[in-house]
PDB file of N, CA and C in Angstrom:
ATOM      1  N   MET A   1     -16.301   1.479  35.092  1.00  0.00           N
ATOM      2  CA  MET A   1     -15.562   2.723  34.904  1.00  0.00           C
ATOM      3  C   MET A   1     -14.126   1.699  34.212  1.00  0.00           C
ATOM      4  N   LYS A   2     -13.552   0.357  34.667  1.00  0.00           N
ATOM      5  CA  LYS A   2     -12.750  -0.544  33.771  1.00  0.00           C
ATOM      6  C   LYS A   2     -13.111  -0.387  32.367  1.00  0.00           C
ATOM      7  N   LEU A   3     -14.398  -0.906  31.835  1.00  0.00           N
ATOM      8  CA  LEU A   3     -15.425  -0.491  31.114  1.00  0.00           C
ATOM      9  C   LEU A   3     -14.442   0.641  29.910  1.00  0.00           C
ATOM     10  N   LEU A   4     -15.391   1.821  30.597  1.00  0.00           N
ATOM     11  CA  LEU A   4     -14.695   3.128  29.950  1.00  0.00           C
ATOM     12  C   LEU A   4     -13.578   3.216  28.998  1.00  0.00           C
ATOM     13  N   GLN A   5     -12.276   2.939  30.625  1.00  0.00           N
ATOM     14  CA  GLN A   5     -11.152   3.166  30.234  1.00  0.00           C
ATOM     15  C   GLN A   5     -10.433   1.603  28.980  1.00  0.00           C
ATOM     16  N   MET A   6     -10.540   0.315  29.035  1.00  0.00           N
ATOM     17  CA  MET A   6     -10.822  -0.088  28.176  1.00  0.00           C
ATOM     18  C   MET A   6     -11.185   0.503  26.566  1.00  0.00           C
ATOM     19  N   VAL A   7     -12.405   0.814  26.704  1.00  0.00           N
ATOM     20  CA  VAL A   7     -13.013   1.606  25.486  1.00  0.00           C
ATOM     21  C   VAL A   7     -11.566   2.336  25.169  1.00  0.00           C
ATOM     22  N   LEU A   8     -11.140   3.511  26.019  1.00  0.00           N
ATOM     23  CA  LEU A   8     -10.472   4.934  25.468  1.00  0.00           C
ATOM     24  C   LEU A   8      -9.342   3.979  24.723  1.00  0.00           C
ATOM     25  N   ALA A   9      -8.587   2.969  25.776  1.00  0.00           N
ATOM     26  CA  ALA A   9      -7.747   2.913  25.228  1.00  0.00           C
ATOM     27  C   ALA A   9      -7.630   1.645  23.937  1.00  0.00           C
ATOM     28  N   VAL A  10      -8.105   1.016  23.671  1.00  0.00           N
ATOM     29  CA  VAL A  10      -8.721   0.631  22.186  1.00  0.00           C
ATOM     30  C   VAL A  10      -8.915   1.790  21.173  1.00  0.00           C
ATOM     31  N   ALA A  11      -9.736   3.247  21.422  1.00  0.00           N
ATOM     32  CA  ALA A  11     -10.039   4.188  20.743  1.00  0.00           C
ATOM     33  C   ALA A  11      -8.561   4.470  20.147  1.00  0.00           C
ATOM     34  N   LEU A  12      -7.934   4.997  21.235  1.00  0.00           N
ATOM     35  CA  LEU A  12      -6.465   5.597  21.172  1.00  0.00           C
ATOM     36  C   LEU A  12      -5.710   4.350  20.876  1.00  0.00           C
ATOM     37  N   THR A  13      -5.367   3.254  20.172  1.00  0.00           N
ATOM     38  CA  THR A  13      -4.301   2.433  19.431  1.00  0.00           C
ATOM     39  C   THR A  13      -5.063   2.349  17.949  1.00  0.00           C
ATOM     40  N   VAL A  14      -6.383   2.709  17.523  1.00  0.00           N
ATOM     41  CA  VAL A  14      -6.849   2.468  16.736  1.00  0.00           C
ATOM     42  C   VAL A  14      -6.563   4.072  15.992  1.00  0.00           C
ATOM     43  N   PHE A  15      -7.007   5.053  16.685  1.00  0.00           N
ATOM     44  CA  PHE A  15      -6.711   6.823  15.771  1.00  0.00           C
ATOM     45  C   PHE A  15      -4.880   6.719  15.946  1.00  0.00           C
ATOM     46  N   SER A  16      -4.195   5.971  16.804  1.00  0.00           N
ATOM     47  CA  SER A  16      -2.913   5.918  17.000  1.00  0.00           C
ATOM     48  C   SER A  16      -2.061   5.665  15.300  1.00  0.00           C
ATOM     49  N   ALA A  17      -3.045   4.226  15.315  1.00  0.00           N
ATOM     50  CA  ALA A  17      -2.268   3.209  14.281  1.00  0.00           C
ATOM     51  C   ALA A  17      -2.774   4.624  12.654  1.00  0.00           C
ATOM     52  N   LEU A  18      -3.780   4.631  12.829  1.00  0.00           N
ATOM     53  CA  LEU A  18      -4.020   5.539  11.337  1.00  0.00           C
ATOM     54  C   LEU A  18      -3.430   7.046  11.771  1.00  0.00           C
ATOM     55  N   ALA A  19      -2.898   7.607  12.723  1.00  0.00           N
ATOM     56  CA  ALA A  19      -2.379   8.620  11.872  1.00  0.00           C
ATOM     57  C   ALA A  19      -1.062   8.375  12.145  1.00  0.00           C
ATOM     58  N   PHE A  20      -0.336   7.436  11.846  1.00  0.00           N
ATOM     59  CA  PHE A  20       0.768   6.866  11.658  1.00  0.00           C
ATOM     60  C   PHE A  20       1.028   5.752  10.152  1.00  0.00           C
ATOM     61  N   ALA A  21      -0.670   6.098  10.035  1.00  0.00           N
ATOM     62  CA  ALA A  21      -0.679   5.101   8.204  1.00  0.00           C
ATOM     63  C   ALA A  21       0.016   5.866   7.320  1.00  0.00           C
ATOM     64  N   GLN A  22       1.562   5.649   6.768  1.00  0.00           N
ATOM     65  CA  GLN A  22       1.150   6.967   5.346  1.00  0.00           C
ATOM     66  C   GLN A  22       0.992   6.169   4.173  1.00  0.00           C
ATOM     67  N   ALA A  23       0.586   6.783   3.287  1.00  0.00           N
ATOM     68  CA  ALA A  23      -0.228   7.033   1.744  1.00  0.00           C
ATOM     69  C   ALA A  23       1.172   6.127   0.665  1.00  0.00           C
ATOM     70  N   ILE A  24       1.552   5.158   0.342  1.00  0.00           N
ATOM     71  CA  ILE A  24       2.409   5.243  -0.696  1.00  0.00           C
ATOM     72  C   ILE A  24       2.049   6.387  -1.936  1.00  0.00           C
ATOM     73  N   ASP A  25       2.893   6.406  -2.628  1.00  0.00           N
ATOM     74  CA  ASP A  25       3.013   7.116  -4.027  1.00  0.00           C
ATOM     75  C   ASP A  25       2.862   6.456  -5.413  1.00  0.00           C
ATOM     76  N   ILE A  26       2.214   5.063  -6.198  1.00  0.00           N
ATOM     77  CA  ILE A  26       2.886   4.777  -6.664  1.00  0.00           C
ATOM     78  C   ILE A  26       3.743   5.127  -7.730  1.00  0.00           C
ATOM     79  N   ASN A  27       3.394   6.162  -8.036  1.00  0.00           N
ATOM     80  CA  ASN A  27       4.363   6.900  -8.752  1.00  0.00           C
ATOM     81  C   ASN A  27       5.366   7.753  -8.953  1.00  0.00           C
ATOM     82  N   THR A  28       5.600   7.683  -7.715  1.00  0.00           N
ATOM     83  CA  THR A  28       6.736   8.408  -7.284  1.00  0.00           C
ATOM     84  C   THR A  28       7.892   7.618  -6.034  1.00  0.00           C
ATOM     85  N   ALA A  29       7.493   6.994  -5.536  1.00  0.00           N
ATOM     86  CA  ALA A  29       7.912   6.129  -4.487  1.00  0.00           C
ATOM     87  C   ALA A  29       8.957   4.767  -5.348  1.00  0.00           C
ATOM     88  N   THR A  30      10.099   5.116  -4.370  1.00  0.00           N
ATOM     89  CA  THR A  30      11.024   3.932  -4.731  1.00  0.00           C
ATOM     90  C   THR A  30      10.666   2.315  -4.805  1.00  0.00           C
ATOM     91  N   ALA A  31      11.713   1.706  -5.471  1.00  0.00           N
ATOM     92  CA  ALA A  31      11.448  -0.333  -4.918  1.00  0.00           C
ATOM     93  C   ALA A  31      11.416  -0.311  -3.486  1.00  0.00           C
ATOM     94  N   GLU A  32      12.340   0.596  -3.284  1.00  0.00           N
ATOM     95  CA  GLU A  32      12.374   0.054  -1.430  1.00  0.00           C
ATOM     96  C   GLU A  32      11.036   0.510  -0.628  1.00  0.00           C
ATOM     97  N   GLN A  33      10.702   1.815  -1.050  1.00  0.00           N
ATOM     98  CA  GLN A  33       9.383   2.400  -0.674  1.00  0.00           C
ATOM     99  C   GLN A  33       7.832   1.006  -0.816  1.00  0.00           C
ATOM    100  N   LEU A  34       7.817   0.800  -2.160  1.00  0.00           N
ATOM    101  CA  LEU A  34       6.670   0.221  -2.980  1.00  0.00           C
ATOM    102  C   LEU A  34       6.861  -1.262  -1.319  1.00  0.00           C
ATOM    103  N   GLU A  35       7.765  -2.055  -2.017  1.00  0.00           N
ATOM    104  CA  GLU A  35       7.909  -3.207  -1.069  1.00  0.00           C
ATOM    105  C   GLU A  35       7.793  -3.359   0.331  1.00  0.00           C
ATOM    106  N   LYS A  36       8.260  -1.673   1.505  1.00  0.00           N
ATOM    107  CA  LYS A  36       8.008  -1.620   2.645  1.00  0.00           C
ATOM    108  C   LYS A  36       6.511  -1.364   2.972  1.00  0.00           C
ATOM    109  N   GLY A  37       5.918  -0.338   1.843  1.00  0.00           N
ATOM    110  CA  GLY A  37       4.627  -0.213   2.372  1.00  0.00           C
ATOM    111  C   GLY A  37       3.763  -0.395   1.663  1.00  0.00           C
ATOM    112  N   LEU A  38       3.571  -1.868   0.986  1.00  0.00           N
ATOM    113  CA  LEU A  38       2.516  -2.331   0.112  1.00  0.00           C
ATOM    114  C   LEU A  38       2.426  -3.577   1.156  1.00  0.00           C
ATOM    115  N   LYS A  39       1.402  -4.128   1.058  1.00  0.00           N
ATOM    116  CA  LYS A  39       1.522  -5.404   1.524  1.00  0.00           C
ATOM    117  C   LYS A  39       0.906  -6.148   0.338  1.00  0.00           C
ATOM    118  N   GLY A  40       1.953  -7.496   0.366  1.00  0.00           N
ATOM    119  CA  GLY A  40       2.070  -8.306  -0.472  1.00  0.00           C
ATOM    120  C   GLY A  40       2.949  -8.386  -1.652  1.00  0.00           C
ATOM    121  N   ILE A  41       3.514  -6.964  -1.369  1.00  0.00           N
ATOM    122  CA  ILE A  41       4.531  -6.828  -2.613  1.00  0.00           C
ATOM    123  C   ILE A  41       6.377  -6.838  -2.134  1.00  0.00           C
ATOM    124  N   GLY A  42       6.867  -7.923  -2.585  1.00  0.00           N
ATOM    125  CA  GLY A  42       8.094  -7.686  -2.590  1.00  0.00           C
ATOM    126  C   GLY A  42       8.874  -7.542  -3.824  1.00  0.00           C
ATOM    127  N   PRO A  43      10.569  -8.086  -3.345  1.00  0.00           N
ATOM    128  CA  PRO A  43      11.181  -6.854  -4.177  1.00  0.00           C
ATOM    129  C   PRO A  43      11.313  -7.005  -5.212  1.00  0.00           C
ATOM    130  N   LYS A  44      10.553  -8.290  -6.557  1.00  0.00           N
ATOM    131  CA  LYS A  44      10.310  -8.629  -7.430  1.00  0.00           C
ATOM    132  C   LYS A  44       9.679  -7.641  -8.359  1.00  0.00           C
ATOM    133  N   LYS A  45       8.625  -7.911  -7.346  1.00  0.00           N
ATOM    134  CA  LYS A  45       7.034  -7.225  -7.795  1.00  0.00           C
ATOM    135  C   LYS A  45       7.268  -5.513  -7.503  1.00  0.00           C
ATOM    136  N   ALA A  46       8.093  -5.164  -6.860  1.00  0.00           N
ATOM    137  CA  ALA A  46       7.900  -4.029  -6.714  1.00  0.00           C
ATOM    138  C   ALA A  46       8.853  -3.198  -7.670  1.00  0.00           C
ATOM    139  N   ALA A  47      10.079  -3.908  -7.950  1.00  0.00           N
ATOM    140  CA  ALA A  47      10.928  -3.287  -9.084  1.00  0.00           C
ATOM    141  C   ALA A  47       9.760  -3.691 -10.010  1.00  0.00           C
ATOM    142  N   ASP A  48       9.648  -4.270 -10.202  1.00  0.00           N
ATOM    143  CA  ASP A  48       8.348  -4.353 -11.425  1.00  0.00           C
ATOM    144  C   ASP A  48       7.948  -3.566 -11.939  1.00  0.00           C
ATOM    145  N   ILE A  49       7.022  -2.530 -10.920  1.00  0.00           N
ATOM    146  CA  ILE A  49       5.986  -1.695 -10.753  1.00  0.00           C
ATOM    147  C   ILE A  49       6.296  -1.043 -11.369  1.00  0.00           C
ATOM    148  N   VAL A  50       8.223  -0.767 -10.455  1.00  0.00           N
ATOM    149  CA  VAL A  50       8.745   0.742 -11.266  1.00  0.00           C
ATOM    150  C   VAL A  50       9.336   0.575 -12.423  1.00  0.00           C
ATOM    151  N   LYS A  51       9.818  -0.279 -13.141  1.00  0.00           N
ATOM    152  CA  LYS A  51      10.500  -0.827 -14.424  1.00  0.00           C
ATOM    153  C   LYS A  51       9.059  -0.030 -15.640  1.00  0.00           C
ATOM    154  N   TYR A  52       8.220  -0.339 -14.949  1.00  0.00           N
ATOM    155  CA  TYR A  52       6.924  -0.330 -15.571  1.00  0.00           C
ATOM    156  C   TYR A  52       6.434   0.901 -16.035  1.00  0.00           C
ATOM    157  N   ARG A  53       6.345   1.469 -14.753  1.00  0.00           N
ATOM    158  CA  ARG A  53       6.139   2.942 -14.684  1.00  0.00           C
ATOM    159  C   ARG A  53       7.277   3.729 -15.559  1.00  0.00           C
ATOM    160  N   GLU A  54       8.528   3.466 -15.384  1.00  0.00           N
ATOM    161  CA  GLU A  54       9.393   4.274 -16.164  1.00  0.00           C
ATOM    162  C   GLU A  54       9.182   3.828 -17.964  1.00  0.00           C
ATOM    163  N   ALA A  55       8.751   2.921 -17.922  1.00  0.00           N
ATOM    164  CA  ALA A  55       8.484   2.332 -19.192  1.00  0.00           C
ATOM    165  C   ALA A  55       6.865   2.952 -19.847  1.00  0.00           C
ATOM    166  N   ASN A  56       6.346   2.680 -19.186  1.00  0.00           N
ATOM    167  CA  ASN A  56       5.029   3.945 -20.036  1.00  0.00           C
ATOM    168  C   ASN A  56       4.060   4.613 -18.839  1.00  0.00           C
ATOM    169  N   GLY A  57       4.931   5.372 -18.258  1.00  0.00           N
ATOM    170  CA  GLY A  57       4.413   6.354 -17.829  1.00  0.00           C
ATOM    171  C   GLY A  57       4.125   6.036 -16.264  1.00  0.00           C
ATOM    172  N   PRO A  58       3.384   6.938 -16.266  1.00  0.00           N
ATOM    173  CA  PRO A  58       2.510   7.089 -14.225  1.00  0.00           C
ATOM    174  C   PRO A  58       1.812   6.275 -14.154  1.00  0.00           C
ATOM    175  N   PHE A  59       0.826   5.771 -12.952  1.00  0.00           N
ATOM    176  CA  PHE A  59      -0.307   5.185 -13.559  1.00  0.00           C
ATOM    177  C   PHE A  59      -1.442   6.026 -12.840  1.00  0.00           C
ATOM    178  N   LYS A  60      -2.831   5.504 -13.656  1.00  0.00           N
ATOM    179  CA  LYS A  60      -3.855   6.759 -13.570  1.00  0.00           C
ATOM    180  C   LYS A  60      -4.803   5.870 -11.935  1.00  0.00           C
ATOM    181  N   SER A  61      -4.291   4.538 -11.591  1.00  0.00           N
ATOM    182  CA  SER A  61      -5.309   4.951 -10.587  1.00  0.00           C
ATOM    183  C   SER A  61      -4.622   3.365 -10.104  1.00  0.00           C
ATOM    184  N   VAL A  62      -4.822   2.794  -8.787  1.00  0.00           N
ATOM    185  CA  VAL A  62      -4.470   1.322  -8.281  1.00  0.00           C
ATOM    186  C   VAL A  62      -4.086   0.145  -8.924  1.00  0.00           C
ATOM    187  N   ASP A  63      -5.750   0.459 -10.113  1.00  0.00           N
ATOM    188  CA  ASP A  63      -6.469  -0.841 -11.102  1.00  0.00           C
ATOM    189  C   ASP A  63      -5.127  -1.098 -12.246  1.00  0.00           C
ATOM    190  N   ASP A  64      -4.273   0.591 -12.138  1.00  0.00           N
ATOM    191  CA  ASP A  64      -3.691  -0.198 -13.323  1.00  0.00           C
ATOM    192  C   ASP A  64      -2.325  -0.860 -13.183  1.00  0.00           C
ATOM    193  N   LEU A  65      -2.400  -1.265 -11.638  1.00  0.00           N
ATOM    194  CA  LEU A  65      -1.273  -2.200 -11.689  1.00  0.00           C
ATOM    195  C   LEU A  65      -1.571  -3.442 -12.209  1.00  0.00           C
ATOM    196  N   ALA A  66      -2.661  -3.805 -12.553  1.00  0.00           N
ATOM    197  CA  ALA A  66      -2.576  -5.160 -12.875  1.00  0.00           C
ATOM    198  C   ALA A  66      -2.228  -5.226 -14.403  1.00  0.00           C
ATOM    199  N   LYS A  67      -1.643  -3.831 -15.272  1.00  0.00           N
ATOM    200  CA  LYS A  67      -1.178  -3.800 -16.323  1.00  0.00           C
ATOM    201  C   LYS A  67       0.453  -4.331 -16.149  1.00  0.00           C
ATOM    202  N   VAL A  68       0.900  -4.534 -13.851  1.00  0.00           N
ATOM    203  CA  VAL A  68       2.566  -4.870 -14.097  1.00  0.00           C
ATOM    204  C   VAL A  68       2.895  -6.405 -14.647  1.00  0.00           C
ATOM    205  N   PRO A  69       3.383  -6.874 -15.326  1.00  0.00           N
ATOM    206  CA  PRO A  69       3.641  -8.339 -15.244  1.00  0.00           C
ATOM    207  C   PRO A  69       3.307  -9.135 -14.368  1.00  0.00           C
ATOM    208  N   GLY A  70       3.050  -9.957 -13.781  1.00  0.00           N
ATOM    209  CA  GLY A  70       3.425 -10.697 -12.225  1.00  0.00           C
ATOM    210  C   GLY A  70       2.339 -10.071 -11.324  1.00  0.00           C
ATOM    211  N   ILE A  71       1.478  -8.958 -11.555  1.00  0.00           N
ATOM    212  CA  ILE A  71       0.807  -8.436 -10.718  1.00  0.00           C
ATOM    213  C   ILE A  71      -0.827  -9.211 -10.927  1.00  0.00           C
ATOM    214  N   ASP A  72      -1.051  -9.288 -10.367  1.00  0.00           N
ATOM    215  CA  ASP A  72      -2.720 -10.114 -10.312  1.00  0.00           C
ATOM    216  C   ASP A  72      -3.800  -9.070  -9.961  1.00  0.00           C
ATOM    217  N   ARG A  73      -4.361  -9.305 -10.294  1.00  0.00           N
ATOM    218  CA  ARG A  73      -6.519  -8.672 -10.086  1.00  0.00           C
ATOM    219  C   ARG A  73      -6.219  -8.929  -8.313  1.00  0.00           C
ATOM    220  N   ALA A  74      -6.041 -10.132  -8.026  1.00  0.00           N
ATOM    221  CA  ALA A  74      -6.182 -10.381  -6.316  1.00  0.00           C
ATOM    222  C   ALA A  74      -5.554  -9.830  -5.274  1.00  0.00           C
ATOM    223  N   VAL A  75      -3.895  -8.947  -6.206  1.00  0.00           N
ATOM    224  CA  VAL A  75      -3.274  -8.339  -5.176  1.00  0.00           C
ATOM    225  C   VAL A  75      -3.484  -7.030  -5.348  1.00  0.00           C
ATOM    226  N   VAL A  76      -4.380  -6.446  -6.431  1.00  0.00           N
ATOM    227  CA  VAL A  76      -4.596  -5.037  -6.653  1.00  0.00           C
ATOM    228  C   VAL A  76      -5.854  -4.818  -5.726  1.00  0.00           C
ATOM    229  N   ALA A  77      -6.423  -6.264  -5.701  1.00  0.00           N
ATOM    230  CA  ALA A  77      -7.701  -6.294  -4.514  1.00  0.00           C
ATOM    231  C   ALA A  77      -7.495  -5.596  -3.595  1.00  0.00           C
ATOM    232  N   ALA A  78      -6.684  -6.101  -2.935  1.00  0.00           N
ATOM    233  CA  ALA A  78      -5.850  -6.431  -1.808  1.00  0.00           C
ATOM    234  C   ALA A  78      -5.352  -4.808  -1.696  1.00  0.00           C
ATOM    235  N   LEU A  79      -4.728  -4.257  -2.274  1.00  0.00           N
ATOM    236  CA  LEU A  79      -4.241  -3.130  -2.132  1.00  0.00           C
ATOM    237  C   LEU A  79      -5.059  -2.298  -2.369  1.00  0.00           C
ATOM    238  N   ALA A  80      -6.122  -2.122  -3.369  1.00  0.00           N
ATOM    239  CA  ALA A  80      -6.768  -1.430  -3.501  1.00  0.00           C
ATOM    240  C   ALA A  80      -8.152  -1.472  -1.741  1.00  0.00           C
ATOM    241  N   GLY A  81      -8.099  -2.346  -1.107  1.00  0.00           N
ATOM    242  CA  GLY A  81      -9.491  -2.285  -0.211  1.00  0.00           C
ATOM    243  C   GLY A  81      -8.188  -1.671   1.068  1.00  0.00           C
TER     244      GLY A  81
END
């Protein structure tokens, strides 16, 4: 019985985390939203993403973030994963 309660508690925790997770739209998010919502993106990189987007138009995929100066493939891979 105790094992079942533990399994249910873990399942509830996982499903709650997934339910409250919010996707960030890199084409509409503000720099502040990007900074708070994307792991590995600080204020400078968030501002650079917005600046690049304003100058070059919307991103077609997350992979396009690698075109932003200062954002390398490792950051893009972490975000895509």
